[in-house]
Amino acid sequence: MSDPDLELASRRAIYQQIADTPGVHFRALLDELDYAQGTLQYQLRWLTDEGLVEVSEDGKYTRYYPATEFDETDRAVMNALRREYSRRVLAHLLVDGPLSTTELSDRLEKAQSTVSWHLSNLADAGLVTKERDGRSVAYDVSDADRVRYLYTIHRQSFTDRVVDRLLGLWDSY
C-alpha cells in the first residue's frame, strides 16, 4: 500500500487486518494485533475520519469494513456471518430452507429461544423472511445468492467447518 494516509506501520497493519477480516470488531482487532487499546482506538478513529474505514453497528458490536467495498446490505450480511450461530442458521436455511424455529433448534442443538433470538435479529436486518402457516412460522433467506457469495468469498476469515460442510465447500481443507 503506497497510500500516504497509510505511511504509519500501525495504521497500515490495522487497515490490512480490517481488509482481511471485514466485519471484525474492536476486541478481535485488539486480540489479533499487538497494540495498546488507546493506540488502536486512535488509529481506528483516524482511519474512519479519513474515509478509509467504515463502521457498522450490529446491536452488540461495532464492526469495521474497508471503505467503499461493502454496501449497507453487504455489511448487514457480514455482521450476521460474523456471529457463529447466525451464520449457522443462515447456512441451514440456505441448504434446507424454509425451516421453522423448531427444525432449526433441532439441527443446531440449541434452545428454541436462542434460535428465535438469532432469527429475530436476522429478520430485523432484512436477511430472512418469515411466513406464517397456521401456527407454524417458516423462515427463509431473503437474498440467498448474496449470502452464499459473501460467505464463499470471505470463508477463510470465518473458519467454520460446519458451515463449509453444509454449503459443500470442503475442498479448501
Protein backbone atom coordinates (compact mmCIF):
# COMPACT_ATOMS: atom_id res chain seq x y z
CA MET A 1 0.00 0.00 0.00
CA SER A 2 1.63 3.17 -1.12
CA ASP A 3 -1.22 5.40 0.03
CA PRO A 4 0.33 8.29 2.01
CA ASP A 5 -2.52 8.00 4.52
CA LEU A 6 -1.17 4.57 5.46
CA GLU A 7 2.50 5.53 5.98
CA LEU A 8 2.47 4.55 9.65
CA ALA A 9 3.13 0.84 10.16
CA SER A 10 0.46 0.60 12.86
CA ARG A 11 -2.17 2.25 10.67
CA ARG A 12 -1.26 0.03 7.74
CA ALA A 13 -1.41 -3.13 9.90
CA ILE A 14 -4.82 -2.19 11.31
CA TYR A 15 -6.19 -1.39 7.88
CA GLN A 16 -4.82 -4.67 6.47
CA GLN A 17 -6.42 -6.67 9.28
CA ILE A 18 -9.77 -5.00 8.54
CA ALA A 19 -9.36 -5.72 4.82
CA ASP A 20 -8.51 -9.37 5.56
CA THR A 21 -11.42 -9.87 8.01
CA PRO A 22 -14.18 -7.44 7.01
CA GLY A 23 -16.69 -7.02 9.81
CA VAL A 24 -14.09 -7.55 12.51
CA HIS A 25 -14.90 -5.93 15.85
CA PHE A 26 -12.68 -3.95 18.21
CA ARG A 27 -11.92 -6.75 20.70
CA ALA A 28 -10.94 -9.13 17.89
CA LEU A 29 -8.61 -6.47 16.46
CA LEU A 30 -7.13 -5.94 19.91
CA ASP A 31 -6.58 -9.69 20.32
CA GLU A 32 -5.05 -10.10 16.86
CA LEU A 33 -2.79 -7.04 16.80
CA ASP A 34 -0.09 -6.14 19.28
CA TYR A 35 -1.21 -2.56 20.03
CA ALA A 36 -2.36 -0.84 23.17
CA GLN A 37 -6.10 -0.23 23.39
CA GLY A 38 -5.66 3.55 23.15
CA THR A 39 -3.46 3.25 20.07
CA LEU A 40 -5.99 1.02 18.36
CA GLN A 41 -8.87 3.37 19.26
CA TYR A 42 -6.96 6.40 17.96
CA GLN A 43 -5.95 4.75 14.68
CA LEU A 44 -9.45 3.38 14.06
CA ARG A 45 -10.92 6.84 14.63
CA TRP A 46 -8.31 8.33 12.27
CA LEU A 47 -8.97 5.71 9.57
CA THR A 48 -12.72 6.32 9.91
CA ASP A 49 -12.38 10.12 9.83
CA GLU A 50 -10.22 9.90 6.70
CA GLY A 51 -12.83 7.75 4.96
CA LEU A 52 -10.63 4.65 4.67
CA VAL A 53 -12.73 2.53 7.03
CA GLU A 54 -16.49 2.37 7.54
CA VAL A 55 -18.23 1.45 10.78
CA SER A 56 -21.32 -0.74 11.16
CA GLU A 57 -23.26 -1.32 14.38
CA ASP A 58 -24.86 -4.74 14.70
CA GLY A 59 -26.52 -4.29 18.08
CA LYS A 60 -23.72 -5.83 20.12
CA TYR A 61 -20.51 -4.91 18.30
CA THR A 62 -19.07 -2.06 16.33
CA ARG A 63 -17.68 -3.67 13.21
CA TYR A 64 -15.14 -2.29 10.75
CA TYR A 65 -15.03 -2.52 6.96
CA PRO A 66 -12.74 -1.20 4.23
CA ALA A 67 -14.49 1.89 2.86
CA THR A 68 -16.49 1.59 -0.37
CA GLU A 69 -16.08 -2.22 -0.62
CA PHE A 70 -19.35 -3.15 1.13
CA ASP A 71 -22.73 -1.52 0.72
CA GLU A 72 -25.19 -1.39 3.60
CA THR A 73 -26.79 -4.72 2.72
CA ASP A 74 -23.40 -6.43 2.39
CA ARG A 75 -22.41 -5.08 5.82
CA ALA A 76 -25.66 -6.46 7.30
CA VAL A 77 -24.90 -9.88 5.80
CA MET A 78 -21.30 -9.80 7.02
CA ASN A 79 -22.40 -8.68 10.50
CA ALA A 80 -24.63 -11.77 10.67
CA LEU A 81 -21.96 -14.05 9.24
CA ARG A 82 -19.55 -12.88 11.95
CA ARG A 83 -21.88 -14.34 14.62
CA GLU A 84 -21.38 -18.11 14.86
CA TYR A 85 -25.00 -19.19 15.33
CA SER A 86 -26.47 -16.60 12.99
CA ARG A 87 -24.02 -17.92 10.39
CA ARG A 88 -25.14 -21.50 11.06
CA VAL A 89 -28.83 -20.54 10.95
CA LEU A 90 -28.25 -18.92 7.56
CA ALA A 91 -26.36 -22.00 6.33
CA HIS A 92 -29.19 -24.37 7.30
CA LEU A 93 -31.74 -22.08 5.67
CA LEU A 94 -29.63 -21.88 2.50
CA VAL A 95 -29.35 -25.65 2.26
CA ASP A 96 -32.74 -26.85 3.51
CA GLY A 97 -34.94 -23.78 3.95
CA PRO A 98 -37.54 -22.71 4.61
CA LEU A 99 -37.41 -24.08 8.17
CA SER A 100 -39.26 -23.45 11.42
CA THR A 101 -37.68 -22.43 14.71
CA THR A 102 -38.21 -25.97 16.00
CA GLU A 103 -36.48 -27.53 12.99
CA LEU A 104 -33.55 -25.13 13.28
CA SER A 105 -33.33 -25.72 17.02
CA ASP A 106 -33.07 -29.48 16.43
CA ARG A 107 -30.40 -29.05 13.74
CA LEU A 108 -28.32 -26.59 15.78
CA GLU A 109 -28.88 -28.42 19.07
CA LYS A 110 -29.70 -25.08 20.69
CA ALA A 111 -32.69 -23.94 22.70
CA GLN A 112 -35.62 -22.60 20.67
CA SER A 113 -35.30 -19.28 22.50
CA THR A 114 -31.69 -18.92 21.32
CA VAL A 115 -32.59 -19.78 17.74
CA SER A 116 -35.59 -17.45 17.91
CA TRP A 117 -33.34 -14.61 19.09
CA HIS A 118 -30.99 -15.12 16.13
CA LEU A 119 -33.90 -15.37 13.70
CA SER A 120 -35.39 -12.18 15.09
CA ASN A 121 -32.10 -10.33 14.58
CA LEU A 122 -31.75 -11.74 11.08
CA ALA A 123 -35.34 -10.69 10.25
CA ASP A 124 -34.73 -7.18 11.67
CA ALA A 125 -31.67 -6.89 9.42
CA GLY A 126 -33.78 -7.96 6.43
CA LEU A 127 -31.77 -11.14 5.88
CA VAL A 128 -34.56 -13.65 6.47
CA THR A 129 -38.25 -13.63 5.74
CA LYS A 130 -40.91 -15.37 7.74
CA GLU A 131 -44.15 -16.83 6.51
CA ARG A 132 -46.90 -17.96 8.82
CA ASP A 133 -48.68 -21.21 8.01
CA GLY A 134 -51.34 -21.68 10.67
CA ARG A 135 -49.50 -21.92 13.98
CA SER A 136 -46.13 -22.53 12.36
CA VAL A 137 -43.72 -19.91 11.04
CA ALA A 138 -41.22 -20.82 8.34
CA TYR A 139 -38.05 -18.78 7.82
CA ASP A 140 -36.06 -18.42 4.63
CA VAL A 141 -33.08 -16.37 3.42
CA SER A 142 -34.10 -13.15 1.67
CA ASP A 143 -31.15 -12.95 -0.75
CA ALA A 144 -29.60 -16.40 -0.82
CA ASP A 145 -27.19 -15.57 -3.65
CA ARG A 146 -25.71 -12.61 -1.80
CA VAL A 147 -25.28 -14.54 1.46
CA ARG A 148 -23.72 -17.52 -0.30
CA TYR A 149 -21.40 -15.24 -2.32
CA LEU A 150 -20.16 -13.24 0.69
CA TYR A 151 -19.64 -16.38 2.76
CA THR A 152 -17.71 -18.06 -0.06
CA ILE A 153 -15.51 -15.03 -0.76
CA HIS A 154 -14.66 -14.45 2.92
CA ARG A 155 -14.87 -18.01 4.25
CA GLN A 156 -11.17 -18.14 5.16
CA SER A 157 -11.85 -15.49 7.79
CA PHE A 158 -14.69 -17.50 9.36
CA THR A 159 -13.05 -20.93 9.69
CA ASP A 160 -16.38 -22.61 10.31
CA ARG A 161 -16.09 -26.18 9.04
CA VAL A 162 -19.69 -26.95 9.99
CA VAL A 163 -20.99 -24.27 7.62
CA ASP A 164 -18.41 -25.16 4.96
CA ARG A 165 -19.63 -28.77 5.03
CA LEU A 166 -23.29 -27.68 4.85
CA LEU A 167 -22.60 -25.44 1.87
CA GLY A 168 -20.41 -28.04 0.14
CA LEU A 169 -17.17 -26.06 0.46
CA TRP A 170 -14.95 -28.84 1.83
CA ASP A 171 -12.42 -28.53 -1.00
CA SER A 172 -10.48 -25.78 0.77
CA TYR A 173 -9.34 -28.06 3.63
